[in-house]
Amino acid sequence: MTTSEEKPNEQTEKLIADLTELIAENPANTAAYIQRGVAFTKCSKYREALDDFNHAIELTPESATILNPALSAVHTMLGLDYAQENKFELAITEYTKAIVINPQSVEAYLNRGVALLYQEDYDSAIADFSKTIELNPESTTGYFHRATAYVIQEQYPNAIADYTKVIELDIANAEAYFERGIAYTRCNQLDNAIADFTQFIQLLPNDVRGYMNRGIAYSNCGEYSRALADLNHALSLDPNLAEYIKPGIAAMHTLRAIHYEKTGDVESAISELNLALQFSPEIAQAYLNKAVLLDKHGRTSDAITAYQDFLAHADKQHTDLIEFATQRINELKQIQ
């Protein structure tokens, strides 16, 4: 008997000890091996559990019908342990044993597929995920992982179809919307991508990924104001991403500057370039863009300053641009 103060693991360890004594007294006690195998499983001692279940089957072959699903499950759990240690070949071996014992094991096919993904054996992974779906047509995880494999193989229409199936089965699956948005982006179906990122944002409004990727999609559509709004919001959600987001914001302001210049609104164009420099003051090209714009519109003194700023930040490898800026400074100084 155990006391109420004993922890579950302590109770299980005591049970294992008691069963071990029973087996010592009667080595042909099939029930004791089965019970100890179950106890070992609860303690995550999967190899010991396998030994006990296999020994029970040797003693009583007719027990295999009952024990095979348990054996398969234990092989799968052992495989998961190996996978957590990044020992994927060993994990695949255990999952395969589980499948041989129980060909209807959804978990074994699913997890072997994941391990095969890590091994970059994408065709085999897809085959396992397809078998998972065959055995369980409502396996959102099976569809999701197969879609991942399709994306890696650049089979975007297949990936989109699988992510769509996940959404049909689980309409609130935020990750499926996000990943389908990525697949749509790579297919240049930007309106669909924006719709999916918008849905992702509605489900996870504080997840920076939605705003960043929708911002990129808006940018690719030429909707720079919306792109800026999303990228700025992403930056407000996670300032630690400034290194990655600020160059994108600077690029959006630069593109807006180009648009304003084309429409003849030079002052707005200059304002946009100044904003670009606020976000990425270390990017030499931004100073050169500003210098060329000012130079083009006769703002000599300001253009000289911008060319000098460019030279202060320019990579010495860009000798042609450095020569151009130096030459224009000398020419503009002669004009003054």
C-alpha atoms as a PDB file:
ATOM      1  CA  MET A   1       0.000   0.000   0.000  1.00  0.00           C
ATOM      2  CA  THR A   2       1.129   3.554  -0.753  1.00  0.00           C
ATOM      3  CA  THR A   3       0.354   6.600   1.330  1.00  0.00           C
ATOM      4  CA  SER A   4      -1.480   9.640  -0.068  1.00  0.00           C
ATOM      5  CA  GLU A   5       1.719  11.667   0.399  1.00  0.00           C
ATOM      6  CA  GLU A   6       3.650   9.563  -2.110  1.00  0.00           C
ATOM      7  CA  LYS A   7       4.134  11.116  -5.536  1.00  0.00           C
ATOM      8  CA  PRO A   8       2.832   9.286  -8.655  1.00  0.00           C
ATOM      9  CA  ASN A   9       6.378   8.439  -9.823  1.00  0.00           C
ATOM     10  CA  GLU A  10       7.209   7.024  -6.415  1.00  0.00           C
ATOM     11  CA  GLN A  11       4.041   4.926  -6.549  1.00  0.00           C
ATOM     12  CA  THR A  12       4.978   3.645  -9.996  1.00  0.00           C
ATOM     13  CA  GLU A  13       8.531   2.817  -8.921  1.00  0.00           C
ATOM     14  CA  LYS A  14       7.159   0.883  -5.930  1.00  0.00           C
ATOM     15  CA  LEU A  15       4.766  -0.965  -8.228  1.00  0.00           C
ATOM     16  CA  ILE A  16       7.692  -1.917 -10.492  1.00  0.00           C
ATOM     17  CA  ALA A  17       9.592  -3.222  -7.468  1.00  0.00           C
ATOM     18  CA  ASP A  18       6.584  -5.278  -6.324  1.00  0.00           C
ATOM     19  CA  LEU A  19       6.070  -6.709  -9.811  1.00  0.00           C
ATOM     20  CA  THR A  20       9.753  -7.542 -10.084  1.00  0.00           C
ATOM     21  CA  GLU A  21       9.429  -9.608  -6.899  1.00  0.00           C
ATOM     22  CA  LEU A  22       6.406 -11.410  -8.363  1.00  0.00           C
ATOM     23  CA  ILE A  23       8.329 -12.208 -11.543  1.00  0.00           C
ATOM     24  CA  ALA A  24      11.272 -13.492  -9.509  1.00  0.00           C
ATOM     25  CA  GLU A  25       8.907 -15.822  -7.681  1.00  0.00           C
ATOM     26  CA  ASN A  26       7.150 -16.886 -10.894  1.00  0.00           C
ATOM     27  CA  PRO A  27       9.087 -16.141 -14.115  1.00  0.00           C
ATOM     28  CA  ALA A  28       6.097 -17.388 -16.164  1.00  0.00           C
ATOM     29  CA  ASN A  29       3.747 -14.732 -14.788  1.00  0.00           C
ATOM     30  CA  THR A  30       2.594 -13.121 -18.042  1.00  0.00           C
ATOM     31  CA  ALA A  31       0.275 -10.645 -16.300  1.00  0.00           C
ATOM     32  CA  ALA A  32       3.137  -9.365 -14.138  1.00  0.00           C
ATOM     33  CA  TYR A  33       5.304  -8.692 -17.194  1.00  0.00           C
ATOM     34  CA  ILE A  34       2.435  -6.816 -18.854  1.00  0.00           C
ATOM     35  CA  GLN A  35       1.723  -4.728 -15.742  1.00  0.00           C
ATOM     36  CA  ARG A  36       5.412  -3.947 -15.272  1.00  0.00           C
ATOM     37  CA  GLY A  37       5.668  -3.000 -18.950  1.00  0.00           C
ATOM     38  CA  VAL A  38       2.836  -0.523 -18.476  1.00  0.00           C
ATOM     39  CA  ALA A  39       4.538   0.854 -15.359  1.00  0.00           C
ATOM     40  CA  PHE A  40       7.849   1.225 -17.195  1.00  0.00           C
ATOM     41  CA  THR A  41       6.024   3.124 -19.947  1.00  0.00           C
ATOM     42  CA  LYS A  42       4.599   5.578 -17.398  1.00  0.00           C
ATOM     43  CA  CYS A  43       8.165   6.197 -16.179  1.00  0.00           C
ATOM     44  CA  SER A  44       9.377   6.738 -19.777  1.00  0.00           C
ATOM     45  CA  LYS A  45      11.558   3.621 -19.480  1.00  0.00           C
ATOM     46  CA  TYR A  46      10.629   2.484 -22.960  1.00  0.00           C
ATOM     47  CA  ARG A  47      13.341  -0.107 -23.564  1.00  0.00           C
ATOM     48  CA  GLU A  48      12.434  -1.898 -20.332  1.00  0.00           C
ATOM     49  CA  ALA A  49       8.760  -1.728 -21.315  1.00  0.00           C
ATOM     50  CA  LEU A  50       9.525  -3.277 -24.714  1.00  0.00           C
ATOM     51  CA  ASP A  51      11.469  -6.097 -23.062  1.00  0.00           C
ATOM     52  CA  ASP A  52       8.560  -6.881 -20.753  1.00  0.00           C
ATOM     53  CA  PHE A  53       5.884  -6.776 -23.461  1.00  0.00           C
ATOM     54  CA  ASN A  54       7.962  -8.976 -25.774  1.00  0.00           C
ATOM     55  CA  HIS A  55       8.629 -11.427 -22.939  1.00  0.00           C
ATOM     56  CA  ALA A  56       4.883 -11.577 -22.191  1.00  0.00           C
ATOM     57  CA  ILE A  57       4.218 -12.455 -25.851  1.00  0.00           C
ATOM     58  CA  GLU A  58       6.887 -15.175 -25.745  1.00  0.00           C
ATOM     59  CA  LEU A  59       5.199 -16.666 -22.683  1.00  0.00           C
ATOM     60  CA  THR A  60       1.681 -16.323 -24.071  1.00  0.00           C
ATOM     61  CA  PRO A  61       1.687 -15.857 -27.874  1.00  0.00           C
ATOM     62  CA  GLU A  62      -2.057 -15.240 -27.964  1.00  0.00           C
ATOM     63  CA  SER A  63      -1.487 -12.049 -25.955  1.00  0.00           C
ATOM     64  CA  ALA A  64       0.135 -10.462 -29.020  1.00  0.00           C
ATOM     65  CA  THR A  65      -3.256  -9.320 -30.318  1.00  0.00           C
ATOM     66  CA  ILE A  66      -3.758  -7.288 -27.174  1.00  0.00           C
ATOM     67  CA  LEU A  67      -0.149  -6.189 -26.692  1.00  0.00           C
ATOM     68  CA  ASN A  68       0.850  -5.254 -30.256  1.00  0.00           C
ATOM     69  CA  PRO A  69      -0.827  -1.811 -30.129  1.00  0.00           C
ATOM     70  CA  ALA A  70       0.982  -1.139 -26.836  1.00  0.00           C
ATOM     71  CA  LEU A  71       4.279  -2.341 -28.315  1.00  0.00           C
ATOM     72  CA  SER A  72       3.774  -0.085 -31.317  1.00  0.00           C
ATOM     73  CA  ALA A  73       2.995   2.883 -29.077  1.00  0.00           C
ATOM     74  CA  VAL A  74       6.124   2.293 -26.992  1.00  0.00           C
ATOM     75  CA  HIS A  75       8.323   2.151 -30.122  1.00  0.00           C
ATOM     76  CA  THR A  76       6.737   5.441 -31.192  1.00  0.00           C
ATOM     77  CA  MET A  77       7.443   7.023 -27.809  1.00  0.00           C
ATOM     78  CA  LEU A  78      11.030   5.795 -27.925  1.00  0.00           C
ATOM     79  CA  GLY A  79      11.274   7.320 -31.391  1.00  0.00           C
ATOM     80  CA  LEU A  80      10.039  10.636 -30.007  1.00  0.00           C
ATOM     81  CA  ASP A  81      12.748  10.516 -27.365  1.00  0.00           C
ATOM     82  CA  TYR A  82      15.394  10.012 -30.056  1.00  0.00           C
ATOM     83  CA  ALA A  83      13.882  12.832 -32.134  1.00  0.00           C
ATOM     84  CA  GLN A  84      14.102  15.232 -29.188  1.00  0.00           C
ATOM     85  CA  GLU A  85      17.807  14.412 -29.060  1.00  0.00           C
ATOM     86  CA  ASN A  86      18.057  15.068 -32.847  1.00  0.00           C
ATOM     87  CA  LYS A  87      18.887  11.395 -33.401  1.00  0.00           C
ATOM     88  CA  PHE A  88      16.563  11.143 -36.362  1.00  0.00           C
ATOM     89  CA  GLU A  89      17.927   7.946 -37.901  1.00  0.00           C
ATOM     90  CA  LEU A  90      17.326   6.093 -34.632  1.00  0.00           C
ATOM     91  CA  ALA A  91      13.898   7.721 -34.366  1.00  0.00           C
ATOM     92  CA  ILE A  92      12.991   6.560 -37.877  1.00  0.00           C
ATOM     93  CA  THR A  93      14.062   3.015 -36.969  1.00  0.00           C
ATOM     94  CA  GLU A  94      11.734   3.003 -33.945  1.00  0.00           C
ATOM     95  CA  TYR A  95       8.813   4.478 -35.893  1.00  0.00           C
ATOM     96  CA  THR A  96       9.318   1.826 -38.566  1.00  0.00           C
ATOM     97  CA  LYS A  97       9.211  -0.923 -35.918  1.00  0.00           C
ATOM     98  CA  ALA A  98       5.981   0.612 -34.636  1.00  0.00           C
ATOM     99  CA  ILE A  99       4.490   0.521 -38.139  1.00  0.00           C
ATOM    100  CA  VAL A 100       5.538  -3.102 -38.739  1.00  0.00           C
ATOM    101  CA  ILE A 101       3.824  -4.126 -35.501  1.00  0.00           C
ATOM    102  CA  ASN A 102       0.757  -1.931 -36.103  1.00  0.00           C
ATOM    103  CA  PRO A 103       0.315  -0.787 -39.714  1.00  0.00           C
ATOM    104  CA  GLN A 104      -2.675   1.328 -38.629  1.00  0.00           C
ATOM    105  CA  SER A 105      -0.608   3.545 -36.316  1.00  0.00           C
ATOM    106  CA  VAL A 106      -1.331   7.120 -37.343  1.00  0.00           C
ATOM    107  CA  GLU A 107       1.156   8.497 -34.820  1.00  0.00           C
ATOM    108  CA  ALA A 108       3.994   6.330 -36.116  1.00  0.00           C
ATOM    109  CA  TYR A 109       3.496   7.421 -39.741  1.00  0.00           C
ATOM    110  CA  LEU A 110       3.094  11.069 -38.732  1.00  0.00           C
ATOM    111  CA  ASN A 111       6.197  11.170 -36.569  1.00  0.00           C
ATOM    112  CA  ARG A 112       8.289   9.213 -39.033  1.00  0.00           C
ATOM    113  CA  GLY A 113       7.281  11.771 -41.637  1.00  0.00           C
ATOM    114  CA  VAL A 114       8.498  14.591 -39.396  1.00  0.00           C
ATOM    115  CA  ALA A 115      11.813  12.808 -38.800  1.00  0.00           C
ATOM    116  CA  LEU A 116      12.193  12.284 -42.552  1.00  0.00           C
ATOM    117  CA  LEU A 117      11.629  16.018 -43.041  1.00  0.00           C
ATOM    118  CA  TYR A 118      14.575  16.717 -40.749  1.00  0.00           C
ATOM    119  CA  GLN A 119      16.588  14.200 -42.754  1.00  0.00           C
ATOM    120  CA  GLU A 120      15.623  16.124 -45.918  1.00  0.00           C
ATOM    121  CA  ASP A 121      14.027  13.017 -47.418  1.00  0.00           C
ATOM    122  CA  TYR A 122      11.020  14.976 -48.615  1.00  0.00           C
ATOM    123  CA  ASP A 123       9.459  12.415 -50.951  1.00  0.00           C
ATOM    124  CA  SER A 124       9.421   9.781 -48.206  1.00  0.00           C
ATOM    125  CA  ALA A 125       8.076  12.324 -45.741  1.00  0.00           C
ATOM    126  CA  ILE A 126       5.229  13.200 -48.106  1.00  0.00           C
ATOM    127  CA  ALA A 127       4.452   9.489 -48.499  1.00  0.00           C
ATOM    128  CA  ASP A 128       4.199   9.099 -44.711  1.00  0.00           C
ATOM    129  CA  PHE A 129       2.026  12.190 -44.314  1.00  0.00           C
ATOM    130  CA  SER A 130      -0.210  10.911 -47.111  1.00  0.00           C
ATOM    131  CA  LYS A 131      -0.544   7.592 -45.265  1.00  0.00           C
ATOM    132  CA  THR A 132      -1.368   9.528 -42.091  1.00  0.00           C
ATOM    133  CA  ILE A 133      -4.154  11.319 -43.950  1.00  0.00           C
ATOM    134  CA  GLU A 134      -5.382   8.049 -45.470  1.00  0.00           C
ATOM    135  CA  LEU A 135      -5.679   6.523 -41.996  1.00  0.00           C
ATOM    136  CA  ASN A 136      -7.146   9.709 -40.503  1.00  0.00           C
ATOM    137  CA  PRO A 137      -8.682  12.023 -43.128  1.00  0.00           C
ATOM    138  CA  GLU A 138      -9.217  14.682 -40.447  1.00  0.00           C
ATOM    139  CA  SER A 139      -5.570  14.849 -39.389  1.00  0.00           C
ATOM    140  CA  THR A 140      -4.850  18.579 -39.566  1.00  0.00           C
ATOM    141  CA  THR A 141      -1.270  17.836 -38.500  1.00  0.00           C
ATOM    142  CA  GLY A 142      -0.843  15.428 -41.394  1.00  0.00           C
ATOM    143  CA  TYR A 143      -2.050  17.987 -43.926  1.00  0.00           C
ATOM    144  CA  PHE A 144       0.025  20.758 -42.322  1.00  0.00           C
ATOM    145  CA  HIS A 145       3.273  18.808 -42.357  1.00  0.00           C
ATOM    146  CA  ARG A 146       2.694  17.574 -45.901  1.00  0.00           C
ATOM    147  CA  ALA A 147       2.165  21.178 -46.946  1.00  0.00           C
ATOM    148  CA  THR A 148       5.486  22.057 -45.312  1.00  0.00           C
ATOM    149  CA  ALA A 149       7.220  19.399 -47.388  1.00  0.00           C
ATOM    150  CA  TYR A 150       5.524  20.674 -50.540  1.00  0.00           C
ATOM    151  CA  VAL A 151       6.716  24.232 -49.806  1.00  0.00           C
ATOM    152  CA  ILE A 152      10.288  23.011 -49.400  1.00  0.00           C
ATOM    153  CA  GLN A 153       9.977  21.313 -52.797  1.00  0.00           C
ATOM    154  CA  GLU A 154       8.435  24.514 -54.222  1.00  0.00           C
ATOM    155  CA  GLN A 155       5.204  22.652 -55.020  1.00  0.00           C
ATOM    156  CA  TYR A 156       3.178  25.676 -53.953  1.00  0.00           C
ATOM    157  CA  PRO A 157      -0.226  24.739 -55.441  1.00  0.00           C
ATOM    158  CA  ASN A 158      -0.107  21.423 -53.545  1.00  0.00           C
ATOM    159  CA  ALA A 159       0.943  23.233 -50.371  1.00  0.00           C
ATOM    160  CA  ILE A 160      -1.880  25.752 -50.736  1.00  0.00           C
ATOM    161  CA  ALA A 161      -4.382  22.912 -51.198  1.00  0.00           C
ATOM    162  CA  ASP A 162      -3.181  21.231 -47.990  1.00  0.00           C
ATOM    163  CA  TYR A 163      -3.186  24.443 -45.935  1.00  0.00           C
ATOM    164  CA  THR A 164      -6.697  25.077 -47.249  1.00  0.00           C
ATOM    165  CA  LYS A 165      -7.748  21.632 -46.020  1.00  0.00           C
ATOM    166  CA  VAL A 166      -6.302  22.430 -42.580  1.00  0.00           C
ATOM    167  CA  ILE A 167      -8.393  25.611 -42.498  1.00  0.00           C
ATOM    168  CA  GLU A 168     -11.502  23.703 -43.570  1.00  0.00           C
ATOM    169  CA  LEU A 169     -10.967  21.315 -40.645  1.00  0.00           C
ATOM    170  CA  ASP A 170      -9.888  24.023 -38.196  1.00  0.00           C
ATOM    171  CA  ILE A 171     -11.055  27.488 -39.236  1.00  0.00           C
ATOM    172  CA  ALA A 172      -9.174  29.154 -36.358  1.00  0.00           C
ATOM    173  CA  ASN A 173      -5.794  27.619 -37.226  1.00  0.00           C
ATOM    174  CA  ALA A 174      -3.703  30.795 -37.380  1.00  0.00           C
ATOM    175  CA  GLU A 175      -0.509  29.059 -38.537  1.00  0.00           C
ATOM    176  CA  ALA A 176      -2.292  27.573 -41.549  1.00  0.00           C
ATOM    177  CA  TYR A 177      -3.374  31.062 -42.667  1.00  0.00           C
ATOM    178  CA  PHE A 178       0.154  32.358 -42.148  1.00  0.00           C
ATOM    179  CA  GLU A 179       1.878  29.548 -44.042  1.00  0.00           C
ATOM    180  CA  ARG A 180      -0.681  29.657 -46.844  1.00  0.00           C
ATOM    181  CA  GLY A 181       0.008  33.391 -47.063  1.00  0.00           C
ATOM    182  CA  ILE A 182       3.708  32.626 -47.501  1.00  0.00           C
ATOM    183  CA  ALA A 183       2.905  30.098 -50.239  1.00  0.00           C
ATOM    184  CA  TYR A 184       0.629  32.606 -51.991  1.00  0.00           C
ATOM    185  CA  THR A 185       3.426  35.202 -51.799  1.00  0.00           C
ATOM    186  CA  ARG A 186       5.845  32.831 -53.488  1.00  0.00           C
ATOM    187  CA  CYS A 187       3.253  32.223 -56.215  1.00  0.00           C
ATOM    188  CA  ASN A 188       2.911  36.025 -56.576  1.00  0.00           C
ATOM    189  CA  GLN A 189      -0.772  35.766 -55.620  1.00  0.00           C
ATOM    190  CA  LEU A 190      -0.393  38.853 -53.471  1.00  0.00           C
ATOM    191  CA  ASP A 191      -4.075  39.657 -52.908  1.00  0.00           C
ATOM    192  CA  ASN A 192      -4.620  36.158 -51.510  1.00  0.00           C
ATOM    193  CA  ALA A 193      -1.459  36.474 -49.430  1.00  0.00           C
ATOM    194  CA  ILE A 194      -2.627  39.778 -47.947  1.00  0.00           C
ATOM    195  CA  ALA A 195      -6.030  38.265 -47.137  1.00  0.00           C
ATOM    196  CA  ASP A 196      -4.367  35.360 -45.307  1.00  0.00           C
ATOM    197  CA  PHE A 197      -1.970  37.578 -43.358  1.00  0.00           C
ATOM    198  CA  THR A 198      -4.933  39.763 -42.417  1.00  0.00           C
ATOM    199  CA  GLN A 199      -6.782  36.725 -41.085  1.00  0.00           C
ATOM    200  CA  PHE A 200      -3.660  35.684 -39.192  1.00  0.00           C
ATOM    201  CA  ILE A 201      -3.475  39.153 -37.627  1.00  0.00           C
ATOM    202  CA  GLN A 202      -7.110  38.932 -36.568  1.00  0.00           C
ATOM    203  CA  LEU A 203      -6.398  35.627 -34.823  1.00  0.00           C
ATOM    204  CA  LEU A 204      -3.015  36.667 -33.369  1.00  0.00           C
ATOM    205  CA  PRO A 205      -2.978  40.485 -33.251  1.00  0.00           C
ATOM    206  CA  ASN A 206       0.248  40.652 -31.257  1.00  0.00           C
ATOM    207  CA  ASP A 207       2.290  38.365 -33.505  1.00  0.00           C
ATOM    208  CA  VAL A 208       4.797  40.476 -35.392  1.00  0.00           C
ATOM    209  CA  ARG A 209       5.068  37.988 -38.281  1.00  0.00           C
ATOM    210  CA  GLY A 210       1.661  38.905 -39.650  1.00  0.00           C
ATOM    211  CA  TYR A 211       2.446  42.599 -39.947  1.00  0.00           C
ATOM    212  CA  MET A 212       5.924  42.036 -41.360  1.00  0.00           C
ATOM    213  CA  ASN A 213       4.785  39.680 -44.084  1.00  0.00           C
ATOM    214  CA  ARG A 214       1.660  41.657 -44.949  1.00  0.00           C
ATOM    215  CA  GLY A 215       3.861  44.741 -45.150  1.00  0.00           C
ATOM    216  CA  ILE A 216       6.150  42.979 -47.609  1.00  0.00           C
ATOM    217  CA  ALA A 217       3.141  41.875 -49.684  1.00  0.00           C
ATOM    218  CA  TYR A 218       1.762  45.425 -49.720  1.00  0.00           C
ATOM    219  CA  SER A 219       5.175  46.672 -50.830  1.00  0.00           C
ATOM    220  CA  ASN A 220       5.267  44.183 -53.695  1.00  0.00           C
ATOM    221  CA  CYS A 221       1.838  45.501 -54.728  1.00  0.00           C
ATOM    222  CA  GLY A 222       3.142  49.080 -54.700  1.00  0.00           C
ATOM    223  CA  GLU A 223       0.960  50.003 -51.703  1.00  0.00           C
ATOM    224  CA  TYR A 224       3.792  51.692 -49.832  1.00  0.00           C
ATOM    225  CA  SER A 225       1.695  53.597 -47.293  1.00  0.00           C
ATOM    226  CA  ARG A 226       0.039  50.387 -46.102  1.00  0.00           C
ATOM    227  CA  ALA A 227       3.392  48.645 -46.127  1.00  0.00           C
ATOM    228  CA  LEU A 228       4.852  51.373 -43.927  1.00  0.00           C
ATOM    229  CA  ALA A 229       1.926  51.163 -41.517  1.00  0.00           C
ATOM    230  CA  ASP A 230       2.432  47.423 -41.101  1.00  0.00           C
ATOM    231  CA  LEU A 231       6.205  47.597 -40.737  1.00  0.00           C
ATOM    232  CA  ASN A 232       5.962  50.415 -38.201  1.00  0.00           C
ATOM    233  CA  HIS A 233       3.390  48.427 -36.232  1.00  0.00           C
ATOM    234  CA  ALA A 234       5.660  45.383 -36.321  1.00  0.00           C
ATOM    235  CA  LEU A 235       8.475  47.537 -34.942  1.00  0.00           C
ATOM    236  CA  SER A 236       6.223  48.801 -32.131  1.00  0.00           C
ATOM    237  CA  LEU A 237       5.342  45.200 -31.211  1.00  0.00           C
ATOM    238  CA  ASP A 238       8.952  44.062 -31.063  1.00  0.00           C
ATOM    239  CA  PRO A 239      11.626  46.790 -30.969  1.00  0.00           C
ATOM    240  CA  ASN A 240      14.266  44.046 -30.852  1.00  0.00           C
ATOM    241  CA  LEU A 241      13.573  43.439 -34.537  1.00  0.00           C
ATOM    242  CA  ALA A 242      14.708  46.951 -35.452  1.00  0.00           C
ATOM    243  CA  GLU A 243      17.815  45.596 -37.179  1.00  0.00           C
ATOM    244  CA  TYR A 244      15.593  43.691 -39.619  1.00  0.00           C
ATOM    245  CA  ILE A 245      12.591  46.004 -39.895  1.00  0.00           C
ATOM    246  CA  LYS A 246      14.169  49.472 -40.110  1.00  0.00           C
ATOM    247  CA  PRO A 247      15.913  48.833 -43.458  1.00  0.00           C
ATOM    248  CA  GLY A 248      12.530  47.737 -44.835  1.00  0.00           C
ATOM    249  CA  ILE A 249      10.870  50.912 -43.563  1.00  0.00           C
ATOM    250  CA  ALA A 250      13.683  52.969 -45.082  1.00  0.00           C
ATOM    251  CA  ALA A 251      13.162  51.182 -48.395  1.00  0.00           C
ATOM    252  CA  MET A 252       9.418  51.999 -48.309  1.00  0.00           C
ATOM    253  CA  HIS A 253      10.157  55.698 -47.740  1.00  0.00           C
ATOM    254  CA  THR A 254      12.640  55.605 -50.618  1.00  0.00           C
ATOM    255  CA  LEU A 255      10.039  54.084 -52.924  1.00  0.00           C
ATOM    256  CA  ARG A 256       7.519  56.708 -51.849  1.00  0.00           C
ATOM    257  CA  ALA A 257      10.146  59.363 -52.632  1.00  0.00           C
ATOM    258  CA  ILE A 258      10.513  57.967 -56.152  1.00  0.00           C
ATOM    259  CA  HIS A 259       6.731  58.111 -56.556  1.00  0.00           C
ATOM    260  CA  TYR A 260       6.559  61.728 -55.361  1.00  0.00           C
ATOM    261  CA  GLU A 261       9.385  62.776 -57.660  1.00  0.00           C
ATOM    262  CA  LYS A 262       7.610  61.234 -60.646  1.00  0.00           C
ATOM    263  CA  THR A 263       4.522  63.290 -59.819  1.00  0.00           C
ATOM    264  CA  GLY A 264       6.617  66.451 -59.496  1.00  0.00           C
ATOM    265  CA  ASP A 265       6.275  66.768 -55.728  1.00  0.00           C
ATOM    266  CA  VAL A 266       9.952  67.308 -54.965  1.00  0.00           C
ATOM    267  CA  GLU A 267       9.484  68.532 -51.380  1.00  0.00           C
ATOM    268  CA  SER A 268       7.528  65.410 -50.427  1.00  0.00           C
ATOM    269  CA  ALA A 269      10.173  63.280 -52.113  1.00  0.00           C
ATOM    270  CA  ILE A 270      12.906  64.948 -50.053  1.00  0.00           C
ATOM    271  CA  SER A 271      10.841  64.481 -46.870  1.00  0.00           C
ATOM    272  CA  GLU A 272      10.518  60.776 -47.617  1.00  0.00           C
ATOM    273  CA  LEU A 273      14.258  60.434 -48.147  1.00  0.00           C
ATOM    274  CA  ASN A 274      14.895  62.221 -44.855  1.00  0.00           C
ATOM    275  CA  LEU A 275      12.573  59.722 -43.165  1.00  0.00           C
ATOM    276  CA  ALA A 276      14.452  56.884 -44.832  1.00  0.00           C
ATOM    277  CA  LEU A 277      17.675  58.244 -43.335  1.00  0.00           C
ATOM    278  CA  GLN A 278      16.099  58.473 -39.886  1.00  0.00           C
ATOM    279  CA  PHE A 279      15.436  54.735 -39.976  1.00  0.00           C
ATOM    280  CA  SER A 280      18.691  53.699 -41.628  1.00  0.00           C
ATOM    281  CA  PRO A 281      21.292  56.448 -41.155  1.00  0.00           C
ATOM    282  CA  GLU A 282      24.080  53.962 -41.848  1.00  0.00           C
ATOM    283  CA  ILE A 283      22.926  53.108 -45.389  1.00  0.00           C
ATOM    284  CA  ALA A 284      25.089  55.067 -47.808  1.00  0.00           C
ATOM    285  CA  GLN A 285      22.722  54.601 -50.749  1.00  0.00           C
ATOM    286  CA  ALA A 286      20.058  56.650 -48.951  1.00  0.00           C
ATOM    287  CA  TYR A 287      22.407  59.661 -48.806  1.00  0.00           C
ATOM    288  CA  LEU A 288      23.279  59.230 -52.470  1.00  0.00           C
ATOM    289  CA  ASN A 289      19.591  59.041 -53.438  1.00  0.00           C
ATOM    290  CA  LYS A 290      18.964  62.275 -51.569  1.00  0.00           C
ATOM    291  CA  ALA A 291      22.037  63.948 -53.093  1.00  0.00           C
ATOM    292  CA  VAL A 292      21.031  63.045 -56.650  1.00  0.00           C
ATOM    293  CA  LEU A 293      17.487  64.306 -56.097  1.00  0.00           C
ATOM    294  CA  LEU A 294      18.678  67.623 -54.648  1.00  0.00           C
ATOM    295  CA  ASP A 295      21.294  67.938 -57.393  1.00  0.00           C
ATOM    296  CA  LYS A 296      18.701  67.306 -60.083  1.00  0.00           C
ATOM    297  CA  HIS A 297      16.477  70.078 -58.774  1.00  0.00           C
ATOM    298  CA  GLY A 298      19.163  72.705 -58.305  1.00  0.00           C
ATOM    299  CA  ARG A 299      19.532  72.524 -54.543  1.00  0.00           C
ATOM    300  CA  THR A 300      23.308  72.902 -54.833  1.00  0.00           C
ATOM    301  CA  SER A 301      24.345  73.494 -51.229  1.00  0.00           C
ATOM    302  CA  ASP A 302      22.102  70.739 -49.862  1.00  0.00           C
ATOM    303  CA  ALA A 303      23.249  68.382 -52.618  1.00  0.00           C
ATOM    304  CA  ILE A 304      26.912  68.926 -51.715  1.00  0.00           C
ATOM    305  CA  THR A 305      26.157  68.121 -48.070  1.00  0.00           C
ATOM    306  CA  ALA A 306      24.280  64.950 -49.051  1.00  0.00           C
ATOM    307  CA  TYR A 307      27.121  63.834 -51.358  1.00  0.00           C
ATOM    308  CA  GLN A 308      29.566  64.402 -48.488  1.00  0.00           C
ATOM    309  CA  ASP A 309      27.340  62.348 -46.176  1.00  0.00           C
ATOM    310  CA  PHE A 310      27.372  59.607 -48.775  1.00  0.00           C
ATOM    311  CA  LEU A 311      31.170  59.623 -48.914  1.00  0.00           C
ATOM    312  CA  ALA A 312      31.319  59.409 -45.121  1.00  0.00           C
ATOM    313  CA  HIS A 313      29.212  56.235 -45.143  1.00  0.00           C
ATOM    314  CA  ALA A 314      30.196  54.651 -48.470  1.00  0.00           C
ATOM    315  CA  ASP A 315      31.849  51.261 -48.712  1.00  0.00           C
ATOM    316  CA  LYS A 316      35.320  51.763 -50.188  1.00  0.00           C
ATOM    317  CA  GLN A 317      34.628  48.951 -52.645  1.00  0.00           C
ATOM    318  CA  HIS A 318      32.068  51.142 -54.441  1.00  0.00           C
ATOM    319  CA  THR A 319      34.787  53.087 -56.219  1.00  0.00           C
ATOM    320  CA  ASP A 320      32.595  54.152 -59.171  1.00  0.00           C
ATOM    321  CA  LEU A 321      29.971  55.742 -56.903  1.00  0.00           C
ATOM    322  CA  ILE A 322      32.647  57.373 -54.769  1.00  0.00           C
ATOM    323  CA  GLU A 323      34.269  58.851 -57.873  1.00  0.00           C
ATOM    324  CA  PHE A 324      30.880  60.091 -59.101  1.00  0.00           C
ATOM    325  CA  ALA A 325      30.038  61.771 -55.763  1.00  0.00           C
ATOM    326  CA  THR A 326      33.507  63.328 -55.485  1.00  0.00           C
ATOM    327  CA  GLN A 327      33.292  64.677 -59.028  1.00  0.00           C
ATOM    328  CA  ARG A 328      29.818  66.162 -58.456  1.00  0.00           C
ATOM    329  CA  ILE A 329      30.977  67.857 -55.229  1.00  0.00           C
ATOM    330  CA  ASN A 330      33.843  69.498 -57.112  1.00  0.00           C
ATOM    331  CA  GLU A 331      31.570  70.544 -59.984  1.00  0.00           C
ATOM    332  CA  LEU A 332      28.884  71.937 -57.696  1.00  0.00           C
ATOM    333  CA  LYS A 333      31.433  73.891 -55.652  1.00  0.00           C
ATOM    334  CA  GLN A 334      32.572  75.581 -58.847  1.00  0.00           C
ATOM    335  CA  ILE A 335      28.983  76.608 -59.543  1.00  0.00           C
ATOM    336  CA  GLN A 336      28.495  78.164 -56.101  1.00  0.00           C
END
